[in-house]
Amino acid sequence: MEPTSPKVLDMRRNARYAMHCAVEDDSGGQGEFFVTGRAVEVDDAKTSGQAFEDARMMGYSPQERHVLFELRIEEAMATVYDNGRPKRSRWGAA
């Protein structure tokens, strides 16, 4: 993230996050996925250097000024639909 991004300040103030994928159609398509957890700012040069190098190999252009967060997963849930009926699988960190 850009160091001046409001999201950086948000993550530093409250590290909780949630991500949810979009469902592709009204029948549930291939299902959905939901993840929650906490973000931890990465301040280790070796770790951020490796993450930036990996990103460059995938075609991204991270800059050294960018702020990197590690998203630690606390809970994940996957839902698939069988004849319109949801079947859920949950995972929680121990």
N, C-alpha and C. Protein backbone atom coordinates (compact mmCIF):
# COMPACT_ATOMS: atom_id res chain seq x y z
N MET A 1 0.84 -1.18 0.00
CA MET A 1 0.00 0.00 0.00
C MET A 1 0.89 1.24 0.00
N GLU A 2 0.36 2.30 -0.58
CA GLU A 2 1.04 3.58 -0.49
C GLU A 2 1.08 4.01 0.98
N PRO A 3 2.20 4.54 1.45
CA PRO A 3 2.29 4.93 2.85
C PRO A 3 1.29 6.03 3.25
N THR A 4 0.81 6.80 2.28
CA THR A 4 -0.17 7.86 2.57
C THR A 4 -1.61 7.40 2.43
N SER A 5 -1.81 6.13 2.11
CA SER A 5 -3.15 5.60 1.92
C SER A 5 -3.92 5.59 3.24
N PRO A 6 -5.18 6.03 3.24
CA PRO A 6 -5.99 5.94 4.45
C PRO A 6 -6.10 4.50 4.97
N LYS A 7 -6.01 3.52 4.07
CA LYS A 7 -6.12 2.12 4.49
C LYS A 7 -4.94 1.72 5.38
N VAL A 8 -3.75 2.27 5.14
CA VAL A 8 -2.60 1.99 6.00
C VAL A 8 -2.90 2.45 7.42
N LEU A 9 -3.43 3.65 7.56
CA LEU A 9 -3.78 4.16 8.88
C LEU A 9 -4.86 3.31 9.53
N ASP A 10 -5.85 2.89 8.72
CA ASP A 10 -6.91 2.03 9.24
C ASP A 10 -6.34 0.72 9.78
N MET A 11 -5.44 0.10 9.00
CA MET A 11 -4.88 -1.20 9.40
C MET A 11 -4.00 -1.06 10.63
N ARG A 12 -3.30 0.04 10.76
CA ARG A 12 -2.47 0.27 11.95
C ARG A 12 -3.33 0.52 13.18
N ARG A 13 -4.48 1.15 12.99
CA ARG A 13 -5.38 1.44 14.11
C ARG A 13 -6.17 0.21 14.53
N ASN A 14 -6.64 -0.55 13.54
CA ASN A 14 -7.47 -1.73 13.82
C ASN A 14 -7.11 -2.79 12.78
N ALA A 15 -6.38 -3.79 13.18
CA ALA A 15 -5.79 -4.76 12.27
C ALA A 15 -6.76 -5.84 11.77
N ARG A 16 -8.01 -5.81 12.22
CA ARG A 16 -8.96 -6.84 11.77
C ARG A 16 -9.33 -6.63 10.30
N TYR A 17 -9.50 -7.74 9.57
CA TYR A 17 -9.93 -7.65 8.18
C TYR A 17 -10.89 -8.79 7.88
N ALA A 18 -11.67 -8.61 6.81
CA ALA A 18 -12.55 -9.65 6.30
C ALA A 18 -12.56 -9.53 4.78
N MET A 19 -12.50 -10.67 4.10
CA MET A 19 -12.59 -10.68 2.63
C MET A 19 -13.61 -11.73 2.23
N HIS A 20 -14.39 -11.39 1.22
CA HIS A 20 -15.43 -12.28 0.72
C HIS A 20 -15.42 -12.22 -0.80
N CYS A 21 -15.44 -13.36 -1.45
CA CYS A 21 -15.47 -13.37 -2.91
C CYS A 21 -16.89 -13.16 -3.39
N ALA A 22 -17.01 -12.73 -4.61
CA ALA A 22 -18.33 -12.54 -5.21
C ALA A 22 -18.87 -13.89 -5.70
N VAL A 23 -20.17 -14.05 -5.61
CA VAL A 23 -20.83 -15.23 -6.16
C VAL A 23 -21.16 -14.91 -7.61
N GLU A 24 -20.84 -15.82 -8.51
CA GLU A 24 -20.92 -15.51 -9.94
C GLU A 24 -22.33 -15.45 -10.53
N ASP A 25 -23.31 -16.12 -9.89
CA ASP A 25 -24.67 -16.06 -10.43
C ASP A 25 -25.68 -16.35 -9.33
N ASP A 26 -26.97 -16.26 -9.67
CA ASP A 26 -28.04 -16.44 -8.67
C ASP A 26 -28.10 -17.84 -8.07
N SER A 27 -27.56 -18.83 -8.78
CA SER A 27 -27.60 -20.19 -8.25
C SER A 27 -26.40 -20.51 -7.36
N GLY A 28 -25.50 -19.55 -7.20
CA GLY A 28 -24.32 -19.78 -6.36
C GLY A 28 -23.09 -20.14 -7.15
N GLY A 29 -23.26 -20.41 -8.45
CA GLY A 29 -22.10 -20.70 -9.30
C GLY A 29 -21.20 -21.77 -8.72
N GLN A 30 -19.93 -21.47 -8.68
CA GLN A 30 -18.94 -22.41 -8.15
C GLN A 30 -18.77 -22.27 -6.64
N GLY A 31 -19.60 -21.45 -6.01
CA GLY A 31 -19.52 -21.29 -4.56
C GLY A 31 -18.91 -19.96 -4.16
N GLU A 32 -18.61 -19.84 -2.88
CA GLU A 32 -18.04 -18.62 -2.36
C GLU A 32 -17.06 -18.93 -1.25
N PHE A 33 -16.26 -17.93 -0.90
CA PHE A 33 -15.22 -18.11 0.09
C PHE A 33 -15.12 -16.84 0.93
N PHE A 34 -14.92 -17.02 2.23
CA PHE A 34 -14.88 -15.91 3.18
C PHE A 34 -13.71 -16.14 4.13
N VAL A 35 -12.92 -15.09 4.38
CA VAL A 35 -11.76 -15.19 5.25
C VAL A 35 -11.74 -14.01 6.20
N THR A 36 -11.42 -14.25 7.47
CA THR A 36 -11.23 -13.17 8.44
C THR A 36 -9.92 -13.39 9.18
N GLY A 37 -9.42 -12.33 9.76
CA GLY A 37 -8.18 -12.45 10.52
C GLY A 37 -7.64 -11.10 10.92
N ARG A 38 -6.33 -11.06 11.13
CA ARG A 38 -5.65 -9.83 11.53
C ARG A 38 -4.45 -9.58 10.62
N ALA A 39 -4.23 -8.32 10.33
CA ALA A 39 -3.09 -7.91 9.50
C ALA A 39 -1.94 -7.50 10.41
N VAL A 40 -0.74 -7.92 10.03
CA VAL A 40 0.46 -7.56 10.78
C VAL A 40 1.40 -6.85 9.80
N GLU A 41 1.82 -5.65 10.17
CA GLU A 41 2.72 -4.90 9.30
C GLU A 41 4.09 -5.58 9.26
N VAL A 42 4.62 -5.74 8.06
CA VAL A 42 5.93 -6.37 7.88
C VAL A 42 6.99 -5.28 7.87
N ASP A 43 7.91 -5.35 8.84
CA ASP A 43 8.98 -4.35 8.88
C ASP A 43 10.36 -4.99 8.69
N ASP A 44 10.38 -6.27 8.40
CA ASP A 44 11.62 -6.99 8.16
C ASP A 44 12.02 -6.82 6.69
N ALA A 45 13.20 -6.27 6.44
CA ALA A 45 13.64 -5.98 5.08
C ALA A 45 13.76 -7.24 4.23
N LYS A 46 14.21 -8.34 4.81
CA LYS A 46 14.37 -9.58 4.05
C LYS A 46 13.01 -10.10 3.59
N THR A 47 12.03 -10.11 4.49
CA THR A 47 10.69 -10.61 4.16
C THR A 47 10.01 -9.72 3.13
N SER A 48 10.05 -8.41 3.33
CA SER A 48 9.41 -7.52 2.36
C SER A 48 10.13 -7.56 1.02
N GLY A 49 11.46 -7.68 1.04
CA GLY A 49 12.21 -7.79 -0.21
C GLY A 49 11.80 -9.01 -1.00
N GLN A 50 11.62 -10.15 -0.32
CA GLN A 50 11.21 -11.37 -1.00
C GLN A 50 9.79 -11.23 -1.55
N ALA A 51 8.88 -10.63 -0.76
CA ALA A 51 7.50 -10.44 -1.22
C ALA A 51 7.46 -9.52 -2.44
N PHE A 52 8.26 -8.46 -2.42
CA PHE A 52 8.29 -7.53 -3.55
C PHE A 52 8.87 -8.22 -4.79
N GLU A 53 9.90 -9.03 -4.61
CA GLU A 53 10.49 -9.75 -5.74
C GLU A 53 9.48 -10.73 -6.33
N ASP A 54 8.77 -11.45 -5.47
CA ASP A 54 7.73 -12.38 -5.95
C ASP A 54 6.65 -11.62 -6.72
N ALA A 55 6.26 -10.45 -6.22
CA ALA A 55 5.24 -9.65 -6.90
C ALA A 55 5.74 -9.20 -8.28
N ARG A 56 7.00 -8.81 -8.37
CA ARG A 56 7.56 -8.41 -9.65
C ARG A 56 7.56 -9.56 -10.65
N MET A 57 7.82 -10.76 -10.17
CA MET A 57 7.82 -11.94 -11.04
C MET A 57 6.42 -12.22 -11.59
N MET A 58 5.39 -11.75 -10.89
CA MET A 58 4.00 -11.94 -11.34
C MET A 58 3.51 -10.76 -12.16
N GLY A 59 4.40 -9.78 -12.41
CA GLY A 59 4.02 -8.66 -13.25
C GLY A 59 3.61 -7.40 -12.52
N TYR A 60 3.71 -7.37 -11.20
CA TYR A 60 3.38 -6.17 -10.44
C TYR A 60 4.62 -5.30 -10.29
N SER A 61 4.42 -4.05 -9.87
CA SER A 61 5.53 -3.11 -9.73
C SER A 61 5.56 -2.48 -8.34
N PRO A 62 5.80 -3.26 -7.29
CA PRO A 62 5.85 -2.67 -5.95
C PRO A 62 7.05 -1.73 -5.83
N GLN A 63 6.88 -0.69 -5.06
CA GLN A 63 7.94 0.28 -4.81
C GLN A 63 8.44 0.11 -3.38
N GLU A 64 9.68 0.45 -3.16
CA GLU A 64 10.27 0.28 -1.82
C GLU A 64 9.52 1.07 -0.75
N ARG A 65 8.85 2.16 -1.14
CA ARG A 65 8.11 2.97 -0.17
C ARG A 65 6.82 2.30 0.29
N HIS A 66 6.35 1.31 -0.46
CA HIS A 66 5.06 0.68 -0.14
C HIS A 66 5.11 -0.03 1.21
N VAL A 67 3.98 -0.01 1.88
CA VAL A 67 3.82 -0.66 3.18
C VAL A 67 3.24 -2.05 2.93
N LEU A 68 3.83 -3.05 3.55
CA LEU A 68 3.41 -4.44 3.35
C LEU A 68 2.78 -4.97 4.63
N PHE A 69 1.64 -5.63 4.49
CA PHE A 69 0.98 -6.29 5.62
C PHE A 69 0.88 -7.78 5.33
N GLU A 70 1.09 -8.58 6.34
CA GLU A 70 0.85 -10.02 6.27
C GLU A 70 -0.55 -10.25 6.81
N LEU A 71 -1.40 -10.92 6.02
CA LEU A 71 -2.76 -11.20 6.46
C LEU A 71 -2.80 -12.57 7.11
N ARG A 72 -2.94 -12.57 8.41
CA ARG A 72 -3.01 -13.83 9.16
C ARG A 72 -4.45 -14.28 9.24
N ILE A 73 -4.69 -15.51 8.84
CA ILE A 73 -6.04 -16.05 8.77
C ILE A 73 -6.44 -16.64 10.12
N GLU A 74 -7.60 -16.20 10.62
CA GLU A 74 -8.14 -16.74 11.86
C GLU A 74 -9.32 -17.68 11.59
N GLU A 75 -10.07 -17.38 10.53
CA GLU A 75 -11.20 -18.25 10.16
C GLU A 75 -11.42 -18.17 8.66
N ALA A 76 -11.79 -19.30 8.09
CA ALA A 76 -12.13 -19.36 6.67
C ALA A 76 -13.39 -20.20 6.52
N MET A 77 -14.21 -19.82 5.55
CA MET A 77 -15.41 -20.59 5.28
C MET A 77 -15.61 -20.69 3.78
N ALA A 78 -15.87 -21.88 3.31
CA ALA A 78 -16.17 -22.12 1.90
C ALA A 78 -17.60 -22.64 1.82
N THR A 79 -18.32 -22.15 0.83
CA THR A 79 -19.69 -22.60 0.61
C THR A 79 -19.84 -23.03 -0.84
N VAL A 80 -20.38 -24.22 -1.04
CA VAL A 80 -20.76 -24.69 -2.37
C VAL A 80 -22.26 -24.94 -2.33
N TYR A 81 -22.87 -24.89 -3.49
CA TYR A 81 -24.32 -25.06 -3.57
C TYR A 81 -24.65 -26.32 -4.35
N ASP A 82 -25.49 -27.16 -3.75
CA ASP A 82 -25.93 -28.41 -4.36
C ASP A 82 -27.44 -28.32 -4.50
N ASN A 83 -27.91 -28.15 -5.74
CA ASN A 83 -29.34 -27.97 -5.99
C ASN A 83 -29.91 -26.83 -5.16
N GLY A 84 -29.15 -25.75 -5.06
CA GLY A 84 -29.60 -24.56 -4.33
C GLY A 84 -29.41 -24.62 -2.84
N ARG A 85 -28.94 -25.74 -2.32
CA ARG A 85 -28.75 -25.87 -0.87
C ARG A 85 -27.28 -25.64 -0.53
N PRO A 86 -27.00 -24.74 0.41
CA PRO A 86 -25.61 -24.47 0.75
C PRO A 86 -24.99 -25.58 1.59
N LYS A 87 -23.75 -25.89 1.27
CA LYS A 87 -22.96 -26.83 2.08
C LYS A 87 -21.71 -26.06 2.47
N ARG A 88 -21.52 -25.89 3.76
CA ARG A 88 -20.43 -25.05 4.25
C ARG A 88 -19.34 -25.87 4.94
N SER A 89 -18.12 -25.43 4.70
CA SER A 89 -16.96 -25.99 5.40
C SER A 89 -16.28 -24.82 6.10
N ARG A 90 -15.95 -25.04 7.37
CA ARG A 90 -15.31 -23.99 8.17
C ARG A 90 -13.96 -24.47 8.68
N TRP A 91 -13.06 -23.51 8.80
CA TRP A 91 -11.75 -23.77 9.38
C TRP A 91 -11.43 -22.62 10.32
N GLY A 92 -10.94 -22.93 11.48
CA GLY A 92 -10.56 -21.89 12.44
C GLY A 92 -9.15 -22.19 12.97
N ALA A 93 -8.40 -21.12 13.17
CA ALA A 93 -7.05 -21.27 13.72
C ALA A 93 -7.14 -21.75 15.16
N ALA A 94 -6.28 -22.64 15.51
CA ALA A 94 -6.28 -23.17 16.88
C ALA A 94 -5.43 -22.34 17.79
